[in-house]
Amino acid sequence: MKKITAIVREDRFAMVKDALLDIGYPGMTVTEVKGHGHQKGITEQWRGRTFRTDLLKKMQLEMVVMDKDVEKIVQCIVKEAKTSNIGDGKIFISPIENVIRIRTGEKGEKAI
């Protein structure tokens, strides 16, 4: 099992969520987050003044999936989240040792 953590633009999140639902993966945990990468935020101008925003709003989604489904899910997220601009986000993939469904006590892949 693997945990997929994807951090995507706020305005692309709905498309990612709908695409994952369409390919059969509706379960996820979603968190509103703020952060920046190498670009360290953005500089904007408004009414002739320059403003620096160093923490940008993003959406983080987390899913625990079977190993065989990881590539399909990652491709789906990339396809929907990509704008080809700086700040599109990142995807992290981590191994999961075990999952336990609290309600039934099921363990492993049965609990996903």
N, C-alpha and C. Protein backbone atom coordinates (compact mmCIF):
# COMPACT_ATOMS: atom_id res chain seq x y z
N MET A 1 0.84 -1.17 0.00
CA MET A 1 0.00 0.00 0.00
C MET A 1 0.89 1.24 0.00
N LYS A 2 0.36 2.30 -0.58
CA LYS A 2 1.07 3.57 -0.66
C LYS A 2 0.14 4.71 -0.26
N LYS A 3 0.76 5.75 0.28
CA LYS A 3 0.04 6.98 0.57
C LYS A 3 0.47 8.01 -0.46
N ILE A 4 -0.50 8.57 -1.16
CA ILE A 4 -0.25 9.61 -2.14
C ILE A 4 -0.69 10.93 -1.50
N THR A 5 0.25 11.87 -1.42
CA THR A 5 -0.05 13.21 -0.94
C THR A 5 0.20 14.16 -2.10
N ALA A 6 -0.83 14.86 -2.52
CA ALA A 6 -0.71 15.79 -3.64
C ALA A 6 -1.06 17.19 -3.16
N ILE A 7 -0.22 18.15 -3.49
CA ILE A 7 -0.48 19.55 -3.19
C ILE A 7 -0.68 20.24 -4.53
N VAL A 8 -1.88 20.79 -4.73
CA VAL A 8 -2.26 21.35 -6.03
C VAL A 8 -2.82 22.76 -5.85
N ARG A 9 -2.88 23.48 -6.95
CA ARG A 9 -3.48 24.82 -6.95
C ARG A 9 -4.93 24.72 -6.50
N GLU A 10 -5.36 25.74 -5.78
CA GLU A 10 -6.73 25.80 -5.27
C GLU A 10 -7.75 25.74 -6.41
N ASP A 11 -7.47 26.44 -7.50
CA ASP A 11 -8.42 26.51 -8.61
C ASP A 11 -8.44 25.24 -9.46
N ARG A 12 -7.49 24.33 -9.29
CA ARG A 12 -7.46 23.07 -10.05
C ARG A 12 -7.98 21.90 -9.23
N PHE A 13 -8.20 22.12 -7.94
CA PHE A 13 -8.56 21.01 -7.06
C PHE A 13 -9.87 20.33 -7.46
N ALA A 14 -10.90 21.08 -7.78
CA ALA A 14 -12.20 20.49 -8.13
C ALA A 14 -12.07 19.56 -9.34
N MET A 15 -11.24 19.95 -10.32
CA MET A 15 -11.03 19.11 -11.50
C MET A 15 -10.31 17.82 -11.13
N VAL A 16 -9.32 17.92 -10.24
CA VAL A 16 -8.59 16.73 -9.78
C VAL A 16 -9.54 15.80 -9.04
N LYS A 17 -10.33 16.34 -8.13
CA LYS A 17 -11.27 15.54 -7.35
C LYS A 17 -12.28 14.83 -8.25
N ASP A 18 -12.86 15.55 -9.20
CA ASP A 18 -13.84 14.96 -10.11
C ASP A 18 -13.21 13.88 -10.99
N ALA A 19 -11.98 14.11 -11.46
CA ALA A 19 -11.30 13.13 -12.30
C ALA A 19 -11.00 11.85 -11.52
N LEU A 20 -10.58 12.00 -10.26
CA LEU A 20 -10.33 10.81 -9.43
C LEU A 20 -11.62 10.03 -9.19
N LEU A 21 -12.71 10.74 -8.98
CA LEU A 21 -14.01 10.08 -8.83
C LEU A 21 -14.38 9.32 -10.10
N ASP A 22 -14.15 9.94 -11.26
CA ASP A 22 -14.47 9.32 -12.55
C ASP A 22 -13.69 8.03 -12.79
N ILE A 23 -12.45 7.93 -12.28
CA ILE A 23 -11.68 6.71 -12.49
C ILE A 23 -11.83 5.71 -11.34
N GLY A 24 -12.74 6.03 -10.39
CA GLY A 24 -13.07 5.08 -9.34
C GLY A 24 -12.37 5.24 -8.01
N TYR A 25 -11.85 6.44 -7.72
CA TYR A 25 -11.15 6.68 -6.46
C TYR A 25 -11.75 7.88 -5.73
N PRO A 26 -12.90 7.69 -5.08
CA PRO A 26 -13.57 8.82 -4.42
C PRO A 26 -13.01 9.15 -3.04
N GLY A 27 -12.31 8.22 -2.40
CA GLY A 27 -11.87 8.42 -1.02
C GLY A 27 -10.60 9.23 -0.92
N MET A 28 -10.64 10.29 -0.13
CA MET A 28 -9.45 11.12 0.08
C MET A 28 -9.67 12.00 1.30
N THR A 29 -8.59 12.48 1.85
CA THR A 29 -8.63 13.47 2.91
C THR A 29 -8.10 14.76 2.32
N VAL A 30 -8.79 15.87 2.56
CA VAL A 30 -8.44 17.14 1.94
C VAL A 30 -8.17 18.18 3.02
N THR A 31 -7.10 18.96 2.81
CA THR A 31 -6.73 20.01 3.74
C THR A 31 -6.37 21.27 2.96
N GLU A 32 -6.84 22.43 3.43
CA GLU A 32 -6.41 23.69 2.85
C GLU A 32 -5.06 24.04 3.49
N VAL A 33 -4.06 24.29 2.66
CA VAL A 33 -2.71 24.57 3.17
C VAL A 33 -2.17 25.84 2.54
N LYS A 34 -1.09 26.36 3.11
CA LYS A 34 -0.37 27.50 2.55
C LYS A 34 1.10 27.15 2.52
N GLY A 35 1.81 27.65 1.52
CA GLY A 35 3.23 27.38 1.45
C GLY A 35 3.84 27.99 0.20
N HIS A 36 5.12 27.70 0.02
CA HIS A 36 5.80 28.13 -1.20
C HIS A 36 6.94 27.18 -1.48
N GLY A 37 7.35 27.17 -2.72
CA GLY A 37 8.47 26.34 -3.15
C GLY A 37 9.68 27.21 -3.41
N HIS A 38 10.42 26.85 -4.43
CA HIS A 38 11.66 27.56 -4.76
C HIS A 38 11.43 29.03 -5.12
N GLN A 39 10.24 29.33 -5.68
CA GLN A 39 9.98 30.71 -6.10
C GLN A 39 9.70 31.64 -4.92
N LYS A 40 9.47 31.08 -3.74
CA LYS A 40 9.26 31.83 -2.50
C LYS A 40 8.11 32.82 -2.59
N GLY A 41 7.02 32.42 -3.24
CA GLY A 41 5.84 33.27 -3.31
C GLY A 41 5.76 34.03 -4.62
N ILE A 42 4.89 35.04 -4.63
CA ILE A 42 4.69 35.82 -5.85
C ILE A 42 4.70 37.31 -5.51
N THR A 43 5.00 38.13 -6.50
CA THR A 43 4.93 39.58 -6.37
C THR A 43 3.84 40.07 -7.29
N GLU A 44 2.91 40.87 -6.76
CA GLU A 44 1.80 41.40 -7.54
C GLU A 44 1.78 42.91 -7.43
N GLN A 45 1.19 43.55 -8.43
CA GLN A 45 1.02 45.00 -8.37
C GLN A 45 -0.47 45.31 -8.37
N TRP A 46 -0.83 46.28 -7.54
CA TRP A 46 -2.21 46.72 -7.46
C TRP A 46 -2.21 48.21 -7.17
N ARG A 47 -2.86 48.97 -8.01
CA ARG A 47 -2.92 50.44 -7.89
C ARG A 47 -1.53 51.06 -7.76
N GLY A 48 -0.61 50.56 -8.54
CA GLY A 48 0.73 51.13 -8.58
C GLY A 48 1.65 50.72 -7.44
N ARG A 49 1.17 49.89 -6.54
CA ARG A 49 2.00 49.43 -5.42
C ARG A 49 2.34 47.96 -5.62
N THR A 50 3.50 47.56 -5.15
CA THR A 50 3.95 46.18 -5.27
C THR A 50 3.72 45.47 -3.94
N PHE A 51 3.13 44.28 -4.02
CA PHE A 51 2.85 43.47 -2.83
C PHE A 51 3.50 42.11 -3.00
N ARG A 52 4.10 41.61 -1.96
CA ARG A 52 4.74 40.29 -1.98
C ARG A 52 3.89 39.34 -1.15
N THR A 53 3.51 38.21 -1.74
CA THR A 53 2.79 37.16 -1.05
C THR A 53 3.71 35.96 -0.99
N ASP A 54 4.17 35.62 0.21
CA ASP A 54 5.14 34.53 0.30
C ASP A 54 4.52 33.18 0.63
N LEU A 55 3.29 33.16 1.14
CA LEU A 55 2.61 31.89 1.39
C LEU A 55 1.37 31.83 0.51
N LEU A 56 1.36 30.91 -0.43
CA LEU A 56 0.28 30.78 -1.40
C LEU A 56 -0.71 29.70 -0.95
N LYS A 57 -2.00 29.93 -1.19
CA LYS A 57 -3.03 28.95 -0.84
C LYS A 57 -2.98 27.78 -1.80
N LYS A 58 -3.02 26.59 -1.24
CA LYS A 58 -3.04 25.35 -2.02
C LYS A 58 -4.01 24.38 -1.37
N MET A 59 -4.32 23.30 -2.06
CA MET A 59 -5.13 22.22 -1.51
C MET A 59 -4.25 20.97 -1.45
N GLN A 60 -4.31 20.27 -0.33
CA GLN A 60 -3.55 19.03 -0.17
C GLN A 60 -4.54 17.88 -0.06
N LEU A 61 -4.35 16.88 -0.90
CA LEU A 61 -5.19 15.70 -0.80
C LEU A 61 -4.32 14.50 -0.50
N GLU A 62 -4.85 13.61 0.32
CA GLU A 62 -4.12 12.41 0.72
C GLU A 62 -5.00 11.20 0.46
N MET A 63 -4.38 10.15 -0.07
CA MET A 63 -5.09 8.91 -0.37
C MET A 63 -4.17 7.74 -0.04
N VAL A 64 -4.73 6.69 0.53
CA VAL A 64 -3.99 5.45 0.69
C VAL A 64 -4.58 4.47 -0.30
N VAL A 65 -3.71 3.93 -1.16
CA VAL A 65 -4.16 3.09 -2.27
C VAL A 65 -3.29 1.85 -2.39
N MET A 66 -3.77 0.90 -3.17
CA MET A 66 -2.99 -0.31 -3.42
C MET A 66 -1.84 0.03 -4.39
N ASP A 67 -0.73 -0.68 -4.26
CA ASP A 67 0.46 -0.43 -5.06
C ASP A 67 0.15 -0.39 -6.55
N LYS A 68 -0.70 -1.29 -7.02
CA LYS A 68 -0.98 -1.41 -8.45
C LYS A 68 -1.73 -0.19 -9.01
N ASP A 69 -2.35 0.62 -8.13
CA ASP A 69 -3.14 1.76 -8.58
C ASP A 69 -2.38 3.08 -8.55
N VAL A 70 -1.18 3.09 -8.00
CA VAL A 70 -0.45 4.34 -7.79
C VAL A 70 -0.22 5.10 -9.09
N GLU A 71 0.31 4.45 -10.10
CA GLU A 71 0.65 5.15 -11.35
C GLU A 71 -0.58 5.74 -12.03
N LYS A 72 -1.68 5.01 -12.03
CA LYS A 72 -2.93 5.49 -12.64
C LYS A 72 -3.41 6.75 -11.93
N ILE A 73 -3.36 6.76 -10.61
CA ILE A 73 -3.81 7.91 -9.82
C ILE A 73 -2.88 9.10 -10.02
N VAL A 74 -1.58 8.86 -10.00
CA VAL A 74 -0.61 9.94 -10.20
C VAL A 74 -0.79 10.58 -11.57
N GLN A 75 -0.96 9.77 -12.60
CA GLN A 75 -1.18 10.31 -13.95
C GLN A 75 -2.44 11.16 -14.01
N CYS A 76 -3.49 10.72 -13.34
CA CYS A 76 -4.75 11.46 -13.30
C CYS A 76 -4.55 12.82 -12.63
N ILE A 77 -3.87 12.83 -11.49
CA ILE A 77 -3.63 14.09 -10.78
C ILE A 77 -2.80 15.04 -11.62
N VAL A 78 -1.72 14.54 -12.22
CA VAL A 78 -0.85 15.39 -13.05
C VAL A 78 -1.64 15.96 -14.22
N LYS A 79 -2.42 15.14 -14.89
CA LYS A 79 -3.19 15.59 -16.05
C LYS A 79 -4.13 16.74 -15.69
N GLU A 80 -4.80 16.63 -14.57
CA GLU A 80 -5.79 17.64 -14.19
C GLU A 80 -5.20 18.86 -13.50
N ALA A 81 -4.08 18.70 -12.81
CA ALA A 81 -3.51 19.81 -12.03
C ALA A 81 -2.50 20.64 -12.81
N LYS A 82 -1.99 20.11 -13.91
CA LYS A 82 -0.91 20.77 -14.64
C LYS A 82 -1.39 21.98 -15.42
N THR A 83 -0.71 23.13 -15.19
CA THR A 83 -0.94 24.33 -16.00
C THR A 83 0.34 24.71 -16.75
N SER A 84 1.44 24.03 -16.46
CA SER A 84 2.77 24.31 -17.01
C SER A 84 3.35 25.63 -16.50
N ASN A 85 2.82 26.12 -15.38
CA ASN A 85 3.35 27.33 -14.76
C ASN A 85 3.97 26.98 -13.41
N ILE A 86 4.85 27.85 -12.93
CA ILE A 86 5.43 27.67 -11.61
C ILE A 86 4.30 27.62 -10.58
N GLY A 87 4.41 26.69 -9.64
CA GLY A 87 3.41 26.60 -8.57
C GLY A 87 2.31 25.59 -8.81
N ASP A 88 2.48 24.71 -9.80
CA ASP A 88 1.46 23.69 -10.06
C ASP A 88 1.33 22.70 -8.90
N GLY A 89 2.38 22.50 -8.13
CA GLY A 89 2.29 21.63 -6.96
C GLY A 89 3.28 20.48 -7.00
N LYS A 90 3.06 19.55 -6.09
CA LYS A 90 3.94 18.39 -5.95
C LYS A 90 3.09 17.18 -5.57
N ILE A 91 3.65 16.00 -5.85
CA ILE A 91 3.05 14.73 -5.43
C ILE A 91 4.12 13.95 -4.68
N PHE A 92 3.77 13.47 -3.50
CA PHE A 92 4.67 12.66 -2.68
C PHE A 92 4.05 11.27 -2.53
N ILE A 93 4.86 10.23 -2.64
CA ILE A 93 4.40 8.86 -2.50
C ILE A 93 5.19 8.19 -1.39
N SER A 94 4.48 7.65 -0.41
CA SER A 94 5.11 7.05 0.77
C SER A 94 4.58 5.64 0.99
N PRO A 95 5.43 4.73 1.49
CA PRO A 95 4.93 3.39 1.82
C PRO A 95 4.07 3.42 3.08
N ILE A 96 3.06 2.57 3.11
CA ILE A 96 2.18 2.42 4.27
C ILE A 96 2.35 1.00 4.80
N GLU A 97 2.65 0.89 6.06
CA GLU A 97 2.87 -0.42 6.67
C GLU A 97 1.57 -1.17 6.90
N ASN A 98 0.55 -0.47 7.39
CA ASN A 98 -0.71 -1.15 7.68
C ASN A 98 -1.83 -0.12 7.76
N VAL A 99 -3.06 -0.58 7.55
CA VAL A 99 -4.26 0.24 7.70
C VAL A 99 -5.23 -0.57 8.54
N ILE A 100 -5.91 0.10 9.48
CA ILE A 100 -6.91 -0.56 10.31
C ILE A 100 -8.19 0.25 10.25
N ARG A 101 -9.28 -0.39 9.84
CA ARG A 101 -10.59 0.27 9.84
C ARG A 101 -11.13 0.19 11.27
N ILE A 102 -11.32 1.32 11.89
CA ILE A 102 -11.72 1.37 13.29
C ILE A 102 -13.07 0.68 13.52
N ARG A 103 -14.05 0.92 12.66
CA ARG A 103 -15.40 0.39 12.86
C ARG A 103 -15.43 -1.14 12.90
N THR A 104 -14.69 -1.80 12.00
CA THR A 104 -14.79 -3.26 11.89
C THR A 104 -13.55 -4.00 12.38
N GLY A 105 -12.45 -3.29 12.53
CA GLY A 105 -11.20 -3.94 12.91
C GLY A 105 -10.46 -4.57 11.74
N GLU A 106 -10.99 -4.42 10.52
CA GLU A 106 -10.31 -4.99 9.34
C GLU A 106 -8.93 -4.34 9.20
N LYS A 107 -8.00 -5.15 8.69
CA LYS A 107 -6.63 -4.69 8.52
C LYS A 107 -6.15 -4.88 7.10
N GLY A 108 -5.11 -4.11 6.74
CA GLY A 108 -4.48 -4.27 5.44
C GLY A 108 -5.35 -3.75 4.32
N GLU A 109 -5.24 -4.40 3.15
CA GLU A 109 -5.94 -3.94 1.96
C GLU A 109 -7.45 -3.96 2.11
N LYS A 110 -7.99 -4.82 2.96
CA LYS A 110 -9.45 -4.85 3.19
C LYS A 110 -9.93 -3.56 3.84
N ALA A 111 -9.06 -2.87 4.53
CA ALA A 111 -9.44 -1.66 5.26
C ALA A 111 -9.34 -0.39 4.43
N ILE A 112 -8.78 -0.48 3.23
CA ILE A 112 -8.63 0.74 2.41
C ILE A 112 -9.98 1.25 1.98
